[in-house]
């Protein structure tokens, strides 16, 4: 199963990249109120935003990769590895979006890393 780790990590990274692209797209669009009169203009802004479109494309590609993974690897091995995405997105949010990352969040990420390491040792 560990032979498929690069494929699993690729799928997870695509998913994390999608999340980061969507975040950047929404940063560009900015805050908006959920009101009926906003539906069309907000939808149009979202529909033409290149970051949103790139994020959605990454999601589609990550699903295709994930289907390939699931056809080759036990789900009990592969699925927990999705938590790598937590590590990547939290770190990227801190680096690229200047999000706060206190000791509690870093500790949580460390626990996640330990869990992912343990899962890969069980293969």
PDB file of N, CA and C in Angstrom:
ATOM      1  N   UNK A   1       0.816  -1.204   0.000  1.00  0.00           N
ATOM      2  CA  UNK A   1       0.000   0.000   0.000  1.00  0.00           C
ATOM      3  C   UNK A   1       0.854   1.261   0.000  1.00  0.00           C
ATOM      4  N   UNK A   2       2.019   1.187   0.638  1.00  0.00           N
ATOM      5  CA  UNK A   2       2.848   2.387   0.702  1.00  0.00           C
ATOM      6  C   UNK A   2       3.371   2.812  -0.670  1.00  0.00           C
ATOM      7  N   UNK A   3       3.347   1.890  -1.626  1.00  0.00           N
ATOM      8  CA  UNK A   3       3.761   2.250  -2.979  1.00  0.00           C
ATOM      9  C   UNK A   3       2.823   3.314  -3.565  1.00  0.00           C
ATOM     10  N   UNK A   4       1.606   3.377  -3.051  1.00  0.00           N
ATOM     11  CA  UNK A   4       0.631   4.354  -3.547  1.00  0.00           C
ATOM     12  C   UNK A   4       0.627   5.660  -2.756  1.00  0.00           C
ATOM     13  N   UNK A   5       1.531   5.783  -1.779  1.00  0.00           N
ATOM     14  CA  UNK A   5       1.585   7.022  -0.994  1.00  0.00           C
ATOM     15  C   UNK A   5       1.768   8.274  -1.854  1.00  0.00           C
ATOM     16  N   UNK A   6       2.649   8.261  -2.870  1.00  0.00           N
ATOM     17  CA  UNK A   6       2.767   9.471  -3.698  1.00  0.00           C
ATOM     18  C   UNK A   6       1.453   9.859  -4.377  1.00  0.00           C
ATOM     19  N   UNK A   7       0.704   8.876  -4.830  1.00  0.00           N
ATOM     20  CA  UNK A   7      -0.585   9.148  -5.464  1.00  0.00           C
ATOM     21  C   UNK A   7      -1.577   9.718  -4.441  1.00  0.00           C
ATOM     22  N   UNK A   8      -1.577   9.140  -3.248  1.00  0.00           N
ATOM     23  CA  UNK A   8      -2.460   9.630  -2.190  1.00  0.00           C
ATOM     24  C   UNK A   8      -2.097  11.064  -1.836  1.00  0.00           C
ATOM     25  N   UNK A   9      -0.815  11.321  -1.647  1.00  0.00           N
ATOM     26  CA  UNK A   9      -0.365  12.673  -1.282  1.00  0.00           C
ATOM     27  C   UNK A   9      -0.688  13.655  -2.401  1.00  0.00           C
ATOM     28  N   UNK A  10      -0.530  13.234  -3.639  1.00  0.00           N
ATOM     29  CA  UNK A  10      -0.881  14.105  -4.767  1.00  0.00           C
ATOM     30  C   UNK A  10      -2.358  14.498  -4.716  1.00  0.00           C
ATOM     31  N   UNK A  11      -3.220  13.529  -4.479  1.00  0.00           N
ATOM     32  CA  UNK A  11      -4.651  13.820  -4.371  1.00  0.00           C
ATOM     33  C   UNK A  11      -4.965  14.753  -3.215  1.00  0.00           C
ATOM     34  N   UNK A  12      -4.311  14.523  -2.079  1.00  0.00           N
ATOM     35  CA  UNK A  12      -4.524  15.373  -0.907  1.00  0.00           C
ATOM     36  C   UNK A  12      -4.032  16.793  -1.179  1.00  0.00           C
ATOM     37  N   UNK A  13      -2.879  16.908  -1.815  1.00  0.00           N
ATOM     38  CA  UNK A  13      -2.342  18.240  -2.127  1.00  0.00           C
ATOM     39  C   UNK A  13      -3.217  18.985  -3.126  1.00  0.00           C
ATOM     40  N   UNK A  14      -3.779  18.270  -4.076  1.00  0.00           N
ATOM     41  CA  UNK A  14      -4.724  18.897  -5.002  1.00  0.00           C
ATOM     42  C   UNK A  14      -5.933  19.435  -4.249  1.00  0.00           C
ATOM     43  N   UNK A  15      -6.421  18.663  -3.302  1.00  0.00           N
ATOM     44  CA  UNK A  15      -7.563  19.081  -2.507  1.00  0.00           C
ATOM     45  C   UNK A  15      -7.208  20.312  -1.667  1.00  0.00           C
ATOM     46  N   UNK A  16      -6.024  20.317  -1.073  1.00  0.00           N
ATOM     47  CA  UNK A  16      -5.579  21.470  -0.285  1.00  0.00           C
ATOM     48  C   UNK A  16      -5.388  22.696  -1.178  1.00  0.00           C
ATOM     49  N   UNK A  17      -4.819  22.494  -2.355  1.00  0.00           N
ATOM     50  CA  UNK A  17      -4.647  23.599  -3.303  1.00  0.00           C
ATOM     51  C   UNK A  17      -5.997  24.177  -3.701  1.00  0.00           C
ATOM     52  N   UNK A  18      -6.974  23.306  -3.878  1.00  0.00           N
ATOM     53  CA  UNK A  18      -8.334  23.776  -4.190  1.00  0.00           C
ATOM     54  C   UNK A  18      -8.848  24.679  -3.081  1.00  0.00           C
ATOM     55  N   UNK A  19      -8.676  24.251  -1.847  1.00  0.00           N
ATOM     56  CA  UNK A  19      -9.142  25.036  -0.709  1.00  0.00           C
ATOM     57  C   UNK A  19      -8.464  26.403  -0.648  1.00  0.00           C
ATOM     58  N   UNK A  20      -7.164  26.424  -0.914  1.00  0.00           N
ATOM     59  CA  UNK A  20      -6.414  27.681  -0.884  1.00  0.00           C
ATOM     60  C   UNK A  20      -6.817  28.603  -2.031  1.00  0.00           C
ATOM     61  N   UNK A  21      -7.048  28.029  -3.195  1.00  0.00           N
ATOM     62  CA  UNK A  21      -7.491  28.844  -4.337  1.00  0.00           C
ATOM     63  C   UNK A  21      -8.873  29.435  -4.075  1.00  0.00           C
ATOM     64  N   UNK A  22      -9.769  28.628  -3.506  1.00  0.00           N
ATOM     65  CA  UNK A  22     -11.102  29.150  -3.172  1.00  0.00           C
ATOM     66  C   UNK A  22     -11.015  30.263  -2.135  1.00  0.00           C
ATOM     67  N   UNK A  23     -10.131  30.105  -1.168  1.00  0.00           N
ATOM     68  CA  UNK A  23      -9.941  31.144  -0.155  1.00  0.00           C
ATOM     69  C   UNK A  23      -9.464  32.440  -0.805  1.00  0.00           C
ATOM     70  N   UNK A  24      -8.485  32.334  -1.695  1.00  0.00           N
ATOM     71  CA  UNK A  24      -7.988  33.535  -2.362  1.00  0.00           C
ATOM     72  C   UNK A  24      -9.081  34.166  -3.225  1.00  0.00           C
ATOM     73  N   UNK A  25      -9.844  33.341  -3.895  1.00  0.00           N
ATOM     74  CA  UNK A  25     -10.944  33.878  -4.697  1.00  0.00           C
ATOM     75  C   UNK A  25     -11.940  34.644  -3.845  1.00  0.00           C
ATOM     76  N   UNK A  26     -12.269  34.090  -2.693  1.00  0.00           N
ATOM     77  CA  UNK A  26     -13.218  34.784  -1.810  1.00  0.00           C
ATOM     78  C   UNK A  26     -12.591  36.008  -1.151  1.00  0.00           C
ATOM     79  N   UNK A  27     -11.300  36.003  -0.959  1.00  0.00           N
ATOM     80  CA  UNK A  27     -10.627  37.221  -0.483  1.00  0.00           C
ATOM     81  C   UNK A  27     -10.756  38.324  -1.518  1.00  0.00           C
ATOM     82  N   UNK A  28     -10.632  37.953  -2.796  1.00  0.00           N
ATOM     83  CA  UNK A  28     -10.783  38.943  -3.876  1.00  0.00           C
ATOM     84  C   UNK A  28     -12.211  39.475  -3.947  1.00  0.00           C
ATOM     85  N   UNK A  29     -13.176  38.599  -3.766  1.00  0.00           N
ATOM     86  CA  UNK A  29     -14.580  39.014  -3.824  1.00  0.00           C
ATOM     87  C   UNK A  29     -14.945  39.816  -2.591  1.00  0.00           C
ATOM     88  N   UNK A  30     -14.472  39.389  -1.452  1.00  0.00           N
ATOM     89  CA  UNK A  30     -14.716  40.115  -0.211  1.00  0.00           C
ATOM     90  C   UNK A  30     -16.005  39.701   0.465  1.00  0.00           C
ATOM     91  N   UNK A  31     -16.228  40.340   1.574  1.00  0.00           N
ATOM     92  CA  UNK A  31     -17.409  40.051   2.385  1.00  0.00           C
ATOM     93  C   UNK A  31     -18.670  40.458   1.628  1.00  0.00           C
ATOM     94  N   UNK A  32     -19.712  39.663   1.759  1.00  0.00           N
ATOM     95  CA  UNK A  32     -21.008  40.020   1.180  1.00  0.00           C
ATOM     96  C   UNK A  32     -22.114  39.500   2.082  1.00  0.00           C
ATOM     97  N   UNK A  33     -23.235  40.179   2.044  1.00  0.00           N
ATOM     98  CA  UNK A  33     -24.390  39.765   2.828  1.00  0.00           C
ATOM     99  C   UNK A  33     -25.190  38.731   2.055  1.00  0.00           C
ATOM    100  N   UNK A  34     -25.719  37.758   2.777  1.00  0.00           N
ATOM    101  CA  UNK A  34     -26.597  36.760   2.170  1.00  0.00           C
ATOM    102  C   UNK A  34     -28.005  37.352   2.097  1.00  0.00           C
ATOM    103  N   UNK A  35     -28.245  38.052   1.011  1.00  0.00           N
ATOM    104  CA  UNK A  35     -29.565  38.633   0.780  1.00  0.00           C
ATOM    105  C   UNK A  35     -29.975  38.282  -0.643  1.00  0.00           C
ATOM    106  N   UNK A  36     -31.259  38.195  -0.854  1.00  0.00           N
ATOM    107  CA  UNK A  36     -31.786  37.805  -2.154  1.00  0.00           C
ATOM    108  C   UNK A  36     -31.270  38.702  -3.275  1.00  0.00           C
ATOM    109  N   UNK A  37     -31.215  39.985  -3.034  1.00  0.00           N
ATOM    110  CA  UNK A  37     -30.767  40.906  -4.090  1.00  0.00           C
ATOM    111  C   UNK A  37     -29.271  40.756  -4.405  1.00  0.00           C
ATOM    112  N   UNK A  38     -28.529  40.072  -3.540  1.00  0.00           N
ATOM    113  CA  UNK A  38     -27.105  39.846  -3.793  1.00  0.00           C
ATOM    114  C   UNK A  38     -26.829  38.578  -4.585  1.00  0.00           C
ATOM    115  N   UNK A  39     -27.802  37.706  -4.704  1.00  0.00           N
ATOM    116  CA  UNK A  39     -27.576  36.388  -5.306  1.00  0.00           C
ATOM    117  C   UNK A  39     -26.951  36.459  -6.693  1.00  0.00           C
ATOM    118  N   UNK A  40     -27.537  37.211  -7.587  1.00  0.00           N
ATOM    119  CA  UNK A  40     -27.038  37.257  -8.961  1.00  0.00           C
ATOM    120  C   UNK A  40     -25.672  37.929  -9.045  1.00  0.00           C
ATOM    121  N   UNK A  41     -25.483  39.119  -8.475  1.00  0.00           N
ATOM    122  CA  UNK A  41     -24.147  39.732  -8.598  1.00  0.00           C
ATOM    123  C   UNK A  41     -23.041  38.916  -7.928  1.00  0.00           C
ATOM    124  N   UNK A  42     -23.320  38.346  -6.781  1.00  0.00           N
ATOM    125  CA  UNK A  42     -22.301  37.541  -6.102  1.00  0.00           C
ATOM    126  C   UNK A  42     -22.013  36.285  -6.908  1.00  0.00           C
ATOM    127  N   UNK A  43     -23.050  35.624  -7.400  1.00  0.00           N
ATOM    128  CA  UNK A  43     -22.853  34.428  -8.219  1.00  0.00           C
ATOM    129  C   UNK A  43     -22.007  34.752  -9.446  1.00  0.00           C
ATOM    130  N   UNK A  44     -22.285  35.880 -10.100  1.00  0.00           N
ATOM    131  CA  UNK A  44     -21.508  36.258 -11.284  1.00  0.00           C
ATOM    132  C   UNK A  44     -20.054  36.534 -10.929  1.00  0.00           C
ATOM    133  N   UNK A  45     -19.820  37.196  -9.802  1.00  0.00           N
ATOM    134  CA  UNK A  45     -18.441  37.430  -9.354  1.00  0.00           C
ATOM    135  C   UNK A  45     -17.715  36.120  -9.085  1.00  0.00           C
ATOM    136  N   UNK A  46     -18.416  35.204  -8.465  1.00  0.00           N
ATOM    137  CA  UNK A  46     -17.826  33.900  -8.169  1.00  0.00           C
ATOM    138  C   UNK A  46     -17.575  33.119  -9.462  1.00  0.00           C
ATOM    139  N   UNK A  47     -18.522  33.162 -10.377  1.00  0.00           N
ATOM    140  CA  UNK A  47     -18.445  32.370 -11.609  1.00  0.00           C
ATOM    141  C   UNK A  47     -17.301  32.791 -12.527  1.00  0.00           C
ATOM    142  N   UNK A  48     -16.863  34.031 -12.435  1.00  0.00           N
ATOM    143  CA  UNK A  48     -15.795  34.501 -13.320  1.00  0.00           C
ATOM    144  C   UNK A  48     -14.462  34.692 -12.605  1.00  0.00           C
ATOM    145  N   UNK A  49     -14.423  34.408 -11.323  1.00  0.00           N
ATOM    146  CA  UNK A  49     -13.189  34.593 -10.573  1.00  0.00           C
ATOM    147  C   UNK A  49     -12.211  33.469 -10.918  1.00  0.00           C
ATOM    148  N   UNK A  50     -11.018  33.802 -11.403  1.00  0.00           N
ATOM    149  CA  UNK A  50     -10.075  32.759 -11.820  1.00  0.00           C
ATOM    150  C   UNK A  50      -9.618  31.855 -10.679  1.00  0.00           C
ATOM    151  N   UNK A  51      -9.517  32.395  -9.471  1.00  0.00           N
ATOM    152  CA  UNK A  51      -9.119  31.556  -8.336  1.00  0.00           C
ATOM    153  C   UNK A  51     -10.213  30.544  -7.995  1.00  0.00           C
ATOM    154  N   UNK A  52     -11.459  30.986  -8.046  1.00  0.00           N
ATOM    155  CA  UNK A  52     -12.575  30.069  -7.782  1.00  0.00           C
ATOM    156  C   UNK A  52     -12.601  28.971  -8.844  1.00  0.00           C
ATOM    157  N   UNK A  53     -12.448  29.356 -10.093  1.00  0.00           N
ATOM    158  CA  UNK A  53     -12.455  28.368 -11.177  1.00  0.00           C
ATOM    159  C   UNK A  53     -11.288  27.395 -11.053  1.00  0.00           C
ATOM    160  N   UNK A  54     -10.117  27.902 -10.692  1.00  0.00           N
ATOM    161  CA  UNK A  54      -8.955  27.030 -10.495  1.00  0.00           C
ATOM    162  C   UNK A  54      -9.190  26.089  -9.317  1.00  0.00           C
ATOM    163  N   UNK A  55      -9.781  26.608  -8.244  1.00  0.00           N
ATOM    164  CA  UNK A  55     -10.073  25.778  -7.084  1.00  0.00           C
ATOM    165  C   UNK A  55     -11.043  24.657  -7.423  1.00  0.00           C
ATOM    166  N   UNK A  56     -12.074  24.981  -8.172  1.00  0.00           N
ATOM    167  CA  UNK A  56     -13.046  23.960  -8.570  1.00  0.00           C
ATOM    168  C   UNK A  56     -12.403  22.918  -9.486  1.00  0.00           C
ATOM    169  N   UNK A  57     -11.530  23.371 -10.381  1.00  0.00           N
ATOM    170  CA  UNK A  57     -10.826  22.429 -11.264  1.00  0.00           C
ATOM    171  C   UNK A  57      -9.933  21.493 -10.448  1.00  0.00           C
ATOM    172  N   UNK A  58      -9.261  22.043  -9.439  1.00  0.00           N
ATOM    173  CA  UNK A  58      -8.425  21.199  -8.572  1.00  0.00           C
ATOM    174  C   UNK A  58      -9.268  20.182  -7.819  1.00  0.00           C
ATOM    175  N   UNK A  59     -10.459  20.597  -7.376  1.00  0.00           N
ATOM    176  CA  UNK A  59     -11.352  19.647  -6.700  1.00  0.00           C
ATOM    177  C   UNK A  59     -11.751  18.509  -7.629  1.00  0.00           C
ATOM    178  N   UNK A  60     -12.115  18.825  -8.855  1.00  0.00           N
ATOM    179  CA  UNK A  60     -12.515  17.791  -9.811  1.00  0.00           C
ATOM    180  C   UNK A  60     -11.354  16.824 -10.057  1.00  0.00           C
ATOM    181  N   UNK A  61     -10.173  17.373 -10.257  1.00  0.00           N
ATOM    182  CA  UNK A  61      -9.000  16.534 -10.491  1.00  0.00           C
ATOM    183  C   UNK A  61      -8.674  15.697  -9.252  1.00  0.00           C
ATOM    184  N   UNK A  62      -8.828  16.291  -8.060  1.00  0.00           N
ATOM    185  CA  UNK A  62      -8.538  15.534  -6.836  1.00  0.00           C
ATOM    186  C   UNK A  62      -9.523  14.384  -6.651  1.00  0.00           C
ATOM    187  N   UNK A  63     -10.759  14.565  -7.056  1.00  0.00           N
ATOM    188  CA  UNK A  63     -11.737  13.470  -6.974  1.00  0.00           C
ATOM    189  C   UNK A  63     -11.335  12.346  -7.926  1.00  0.00           C
ATOM    190  N   UNK A  64     -10.893  12.699  -9.125  1.00  0.00           N
ATOM    191  CA  UNK A  64     -10.448  11.678 -10.078  1.00  0.00           C
ATOM    192  C   UNK A  64      -9.257  10.898  -9.520  1.00  0.00           C
ATOM    193  N   UNK A  65      -8.301  11.611  -8.935  1.00  0.00           N
ATOM    194  CA  UNK A  65      -7.144  10.944  -8.336  1.00  0.00           C
ATOM    195  C   UNK A  65      -7.594  10.072  -7.168  1.00  0.00           C
ATOM    196  N   UNK A  66      -8.532  10.577  -6.374  1.00  0.00           N
ATOM    197  CA  UNK A  66      -8.992   9.818  -5.211  1.00  0.00           C
ATOM    198  C   UNK A  66      -9.702   8.530  -5.625  1.00  0.00           C
ATOM    199  N   UNK A  67     -10.458   8.578  -6.703  1.00  0.00           N
ATOM    200  CA  UNK A  67     -11.093   7.360  -7.210  1.00  0.00           C
ATOM    201  C   UNK A  67     -10.041   6.344  -7.632  1.00  0.00           C
ATOM    202  N   UNK A  68      -8.974   6.819  -8.247  1.00  0.00           N
ATOM    203  CA  UNK A  68      -7.868   5.951  -8.620  1.00  0.00           C
ATOM    204  C   UNK A  68      -7.239   5.326  -7.367  1.00  0.00           C
ATOM    205  N   UNK A  69      -7.050   6.149  -6.326  1.00  0.00           N
ATOM    206  CA  UNK A  69      -6.500   5.651  -5.059  1.00  0.00           C
ATOM    207  C   UNK A  69      -7.398   4.567  -4.476  1.00  0.00           C
ATOM    208  N   UNK A  70      -8.688   4.850  -4.405  1.00  0.00           N
ATOM    209  CA  UNK A  70      -9.614   3.900  -3.781  1.00  0.00           C
ATOM    210  C   UNK A  70      -9.719   2.583  -4.549  1.00  0.00           C
ATOM    211  N   UNK A  71      -9.386   2.615  -5.826  1.00  0.00           N
ATOM    212  CA  UNK A  71      -9.406   1.375  -6.601  1.00  0.00           C
ATOM    213  C   UNK A  71      -8.186   0.506  -6.317  1.00  0.00           C
ATOM    214  N   UNK A  72      -7.190   1.060  -5.598  1.00  0.00           N
ATOM    215  CA  UNK A  72      -5.952   0.341  -5.373  1.00  0.00           C
ATOM    216  C   UNK A  72      -5.578   0.127  -3.903  1.00  0.00           C
ATOM    217  N   UNK A  73      -6.169   0.918  -3.015  1.00  0.00           N
ATOM    218  CA  UNK A  73      -5.734   0.938  -1.613  1.00  0.00           C
ATOM    219  C   UNK A  73      -6.939   0.750  -0.702  1.00  0.00           C
ATOM    220  N   UNK A  74      -6.706   0.136   0.441  1.00  0.00           N
ATOM    221  CA  UNK A  74      -7.775   0.000   1.432  1.00  0.00           C
ATOM    222  C   UNK A  74      -8.206   1.378   1.921  1.00  0.00           C
ATOM    223  N   UNK A  75      -9.497   1.581   2.014  1.00  0.00           N
ATOM    224  CA  UNK A  75     -10.014   2.878   2.445  1.00  0.00           C
ATOM    225  C   UNK A  75      -9.588   3.185   3.879  1.00  0.00           C
ATOM    226  N   UNK A  76      -9.424   2.160   4.704  1.00  0.00           N
ATOM    227  CA  UNK A  76      -9.005   2.380   6.091  1.00  0.00           C
ATOM    228  C   UNK A  76      -7.565   2.872   6.179  1.00  0.00           C
ATOM    229  N   UNK A  77      -6.797   2.664   5.118  1.00  0.00           N
ATOM    230  CA  UNK A  77      -5.445   3.211   5.036  1.00  0.00           C
ATOM    231  C   UNK A  77      -5.460   4.596   4.398  1.00  0.00           C
ATOM    232  N   UNK A  78      -6.173   4.732   3.297  1.00  0.00           N
ATOM    233  CA  UNK A  78      -6.132   5.962   2.508  1.00  0.00           C
ATOM    234  C   UNK A  78      -6.859   7.129   3.172  1.00  0.00           C
ATOM    235  N   UNK A  79      -8.046   6.884   3.677  1.00  0.00           N
ATOM    236  CA  UNK A  79      -8.867   7.993   4.159  1.00  0.00           C
ATOM    237  C   UNK A  79      -8.223   8.791   5.286  1.00  0.00           C
ATOM    238  N   UNK A  80      -7.624   8.155   6.288  1.00  0.00           N
ATOM    239  CA  UNK A  80      -6.989   8.957   7.338  1.00  0.00           C
ATOM    240  C   UNK A  80      -5.869   9.864   6.823  1.00  0.00           C
ATOM    241  N   UNK A  81      -5.276   9.483   5.695  1.00  0.00           N
ATOM    242  CA  UNK A  81      -4.205  10.307   5.134  1.00  0.00           C
ATOM    243  C   UNK A  81      -4.713  11.637   4.582  1.00  0.00           C
ATOM    244  N   UNK A  82      -6.016  11.758   4.428  1.00  0.00           N
ATOM    245  CA  UNK A  82      -6.576  13.050   4.034  1.00  0.00           C
ATOM    246  C   UNK A  82      -6.248  14.136   5.054  1.00  0.00           C
ATOM    247  N   UNK A  83      -5.928  13.724   6.281  1.00  0.00           N
ATOM    248  CA  UNK A  83      -5.600  14.700   7.317  1.00  0.00           C
ATOM    249  C   UNK A  83      -4.319  15.463   7.006  1.00  0.00           C
ATOM    250  N   UNK A  84      -3.517  14.965   6.078  1.00  0.00           N
ATOM    251  CA  UNK A  84      -2.354  15.728   5.621  1.00  0.00           C
ATOM    252  C   UNK A  84      -2.812  17.085   5.095  1.00  0.00           C
ATOM    253  N   UNK A  85      -4.001  17.107   4.524  1.00  0.00           N
ATOM    254  CA  UNK A  85      -4.554  18.370   4.022  1.00  0.00           C
ATOM    255  C   UNK A  85      -4.715  19.409   5.115  1.00  0.00           C
ATOM    256  N   UNK A  86      -5.015  18.975   6.348  1.00  0.00           N
ATOM    257  CA  UNK A  86      -5.108  19.917   7.469  1.00  0.00           C
ATOM    258  C   UNK A  86      -3.776  20.598   7.703  1.00  0.00           C
ATOM    259  N   UNK A  87      -2.730  19.817   7.643  1.00  0.00           N
ATOM    260  CA  UNK A  87      -1.389  20.342   7.869  1.00  0.00           C
ATOM    261  C   UNK A  87      -1.032  21.355   6.788  1.00  0.00           C
ATOM    262  N   UNK A  88      -1.261  20.968   5.550  1.00  0.00           N
ATOM    263  CA  UNK A  88      -0.905  21.821   4.413  1.00  0.00           C
ATOM    264  C   UNK A  88      -1.712  23.110   4.418  1.00  0.00           C
ATOM    265  N   UNK A  89      -3.016  23.008   4.591  1.00  0.00           N
ATOM    266  CA  UNK A  89      -3.847  24.223   4.523  1.00  0.00           C
ATOM    267  C   UNK A  89      -3.607  25.151   5.707  1.00  0.00           C
ATOM    268  N   UNK A  90      -3.403  24.591   6.890  1.00  0.00           N
ATOM    269  CA  UNK A  90      -3.118  25.441   8.046  1.00  0.00           C
ATOM    270  C   UNK A  90      -1.787  26.167   7.867  1.00  0.00           C
ATOM    271  N   UNK A  91      -0.779  25.449   7.417  1.00  0.00           N
ATOM    272  CA  UNK A  91       0.532  26.067   7.193  1.00  0.00           C
ATOM    273  C   UNK A  91       0.468  27.110   6.082  1.00  0.00           C
ATOM    274  N   UNK A  92      -0.212  26.787   4.998  1.00  0.00           N
ATOM    275  CA  UNK A  92      -0.328  27.737   3.885  1.00  0.00           C
ATOM    276  C   UNK A  92      -1.160  28.953   4.288  1.00  0.00           C
ATOM    277  N   UNK A  93      -2.199  28.755   5.084  1.00  0.00           N
ATOM    278  CA  UNK A  93      -2.978  29.884   5.575  1.00  0.00           C
ATOM    279  C   UNK A  93      -2.134  30.826   6.406  1.00  0.00           C
ATOM    280  N   UNK A  94      -1.243  30.265   7.184  1.00  0.00           N
ATOM    281  CA  UNK A  94      -0.334  31.052   8.010  1.00  0.00           C
ATOM    282  C   UNK A  94       0.679  31.803   7.136  1.00  0.00           C
ATOM    283  N   UNK A  95       1.225  31.095   6.133  1.00  0.00           N
ATOM    284  CA  UNK A  95       2.262  31.687   5.278  1.00  0.00           C
ATOM    285  C   UNK A  95       1.683  32.702   4.289  1.00  0.00           C
ATOM    286  N   UNK A  96       0.630  32.319   3.567  1.00  0.00           N
ATOM    287  CA  UNK A  96       0.135  33.139   2.470  1.00  0.00           C
ATOM    288  C   UNK A  96      -0.959  34.125   2.858  1.00  0.00           C
ATOM    289  N   UNK A  97      -1.746  33.794   3.870  1.00  0.00           N
ATOM    290  CA  UNK A  97      -2.881  34.634   4.229  1.00  0.00           C
ATOM    291  C   UNK A  97      -2.693  35.325   5.581  1.00  0.00           C
ATOM    292  N   UNK A  98      -1.524  35.149   6.177  1.00  0.00           N
ATOM    293  CA  UNK A  98      -1.203  35.785   7.455  1.00  0.00           C
ATOM    294  C   UNK A  98      -2.225  35.443   8.539  1.00  0.00           C
ATOM    295  N   UNK A  99      -2.684  34.200   8.526  1.00  0.00           N
ATOM    296  CA  UNK A  99      -3.626  33.739   9.551  1.00  0.00           C
ATOM    297  C   UNK A  99      -2.870  33.412  10.826  1.00  0.00           C
ATOM    298  N   UNK A 100      -3.511  33.616  11.946  1.00  0.00           N
ATOM    299  CA  UNK A 100      -2.837  33.371  13.220  1.00  0.00           C
ATOM    300  C   UNK A 100      -2.721  31.870  13.473  1.00  0.00           C
ATOM    301  N   UNK A 101      -1.562  31.473  13.950  1.00  0.00           N
ATOM    302  CA  UNK A 101      -1.301  30.075  14.275  1.00  0.00           C
ATOM    303  C   UNK A 101      -0.620  30.045  15.636  1.00  0.00           C
ATOM    304  N   UNK A 102      -1.419  29.899  16.672  1.00  0.00           N
ATOM    305  CA  UNK A 102      -0.881  29.841  18.025  1.00  0.00           C
ATOM    306  C   UNK A 102      -0.358  28.462  18.367  1.00  0.00           C
ATOM    307  N   UNK A 103       0.129  28.341  19.577  1.00  0.00           N
ATOM    308  CA  UNK A 103       0.722  27.087  20.046  1.00  0.00           C
ATOM    309  C   UNK A 103      -0.292  25.948  20.059  1.00  0.00           C
ATOM    310  N   UNK A 104      -1.551  26.255  20.336  1.00  0.00           N
ATOM    311  CA  UNK A 104      -2.576  25.209  20.356  1.00  0.00           C
ATOM    312  C   UNK A 104      -2.786  24.645  18.952  1.00  0.00           C
ATOM    313  N   UNK A 105      -2.861  25.505  17.962  1.00  0.00           N
ATOM    314  CA  UNK A 105      -3.035  25.009  16.586  1.00  0.00           C
ATOM    315  C   UNK A 105      -1.827  24.201  16.139  1.00  0.00           C
ATOM    316  N   UNK A 106      -0.615  24.707  16.423  1.00  0.00           N
ATOM    317  CA  UNK A 106       0.587  23.964  16.033  1.00  0.00           C
ATOM    318  C   UNK A 106       0.637  22.619  16.747  1.00  0.00           C
ATOM    319  N   UNK A 107       0.212  22.583  18.002  1.00  0.00           N
ATOM    320  CA  UNK A 107       0.173  21.318  18.747  1.00  0.00           C
ATOM    321  C   UNK A 107      -0.792  20.338  18.089  1.00  0.00           C
ATOM    322  N   UNK A 108      -1.944  20.841  17.673  1.00  0.00           N
ATOM    323  CA  UNK A 108      -2.914  19.992  16.973  1.00  0.00           C
ATOM    324  C   UNK A 108      -2.340  19.437  15.683  1.00  0.00           C
ATOM    325  N   UNK A 109      -1.619  20.261  14.952  1.00  0.00           N
ATOM    326  CA  UNK A 109      -0.999  19.812  13.707  1.00  0.00           C
ATOM    327  C   UNK A 109       0.060  18.748  14.001  1.00  0.00           C
ATOM    328  N   UNK A 110       0.800  18.925  15.079  1.00  0.00           N
ATOM    329  CA  UNK A 110       1.790  17.926  15.470  1.00  0.00           C
ATOM    330  C   UNK A 110       1.121  16.587  15.782  1.00  0.00           C
ATOM    331  N   UNK A 111      -0.008  16.620  16.470  1.00  0.00           N
ATOM    332  CA  UNK A 111      -0.750  15.398  16.775  1.00  0.00           C
ATOM    333  C   UNK A 111      -1.236  14.741  15.483  1.00  0.00           C
ATOM    334  N   UNK A 112      -1.712  15.542  14.548  1.00  0.00           N
ATOM    335  CA  UNK A 112      -2.149  15.016  13.251  1.00  0.00           C
ATOM    336  C   UNK A 112      -0.976  14.350  12.532  1.00  0.00           C
ATOM    337  N   UNK A 113       0.179  15.004  12.534  1.00  0.00           N
ATOM    338  CA  UNK A 113       1.372  14.426  11.893  1.00  0.00           C
ATOM    339  C   UNK A 113       1.719  13.077  12.508  1.00  0.00           C
ATOM    340  N   UNK A 114       1.656  12.998  13.820  1.00  0.00           N
ATOM    341  CA  UNK A 114       1.940  11.737  14.499  1.00  0.00           C
ATOM    342  C   UNK A 114       0.942  10.661  14.077  1.00  0.00           C
ATOM    343  N   UNK A 115      -0.317  11.017  14.001  1.00  0.00           N
ATOM    344  CA  UNK A 115      -1.346  10.065  13.582  1.00  0.00           C
ATOM    345  C   UNK A 115      -1.133   9.579  12.165  1.00  0.00           C
ATOM    346  N   UNK A 116      -0.792  10.496  11.257  1.00  0.00           N
ATOM    347  CA  UNK A 116      -0.529  10.108   9.867  1.00  0.00           C
ATOM    348  C   UNK A 116       0.681   9.183   9.808  1.00  0.00           C
ATOM    349  N   UNK A 117       1.709   9.488  10.555  1.00  0.00           N
ATOM    350  CA  UNK A 117       2.898   8.631  10.580  1.00  0.00           C
ATOM    351  C   UNK A 117       2.543   7.232  11.076  1.00  0.00           C
ATOM    352  N   UNK A 118       1.749   7.150  12.134  1.00  0.00           N
ATOM    353  CA  UNK A 118       1.348   5.848  12.665  1.00  0.00           C
ATOM    354  C   UNK A 118       0.554   5.043  11.645  1.00  0.00           C
ATOM    355  N   UNK A 119      -0.320   5.707  10.918  1.00  0.00           N
ATOM    356  CA  UNK A 119      -1.146   5.006   9.911  1.00  0.00           C
ATOM    357  C   UNK A 119      -0.257   4.454   8.803  1.00  0.00           C
ATOM    358  N   UNK A 120       0.724   5.232   8.353  1.00  0.00           N
ATOM    359  CA  UNK A 120       1.575   4.745   7.279  1.00  0.00           C
ATOM    360  C   UNK A 120       2.465   3.597   7.744  1.00  0.00           C
ATOM    361  N   UNK A 121       2.748   3.494   9.021  1.00  0.00           N
ATOM    362  CA  UNK A 121       3.549   2.403   9.573  1.00  0.00           C
ATOM    363  C   UNK A 121       2.748   1.109   9.609  1.00  0.00           C
ATOM    364  N   UNK A 122       1.429   1.194   9.563  1.00  0.00           N
ATOM    365  CA  UNK A 122       0.592   0.000   9.678  1.00  0.00           C
ATOM    366  C   UNK A 122       0.405  -0.733   8.357  1.00  0.00           C
ATOM    367  N   UNK A 123       0.902  -0.173   7.285  1.00  0.00           N
ATOM    368  CA  UNK A 123       0.673  -0.778   5.968  1.00  0.00           C
ATOM    369  C   UNK A 123       1.570  -1.971   5.746  1.00  0.00           C
TER     370      UNK A 123
END
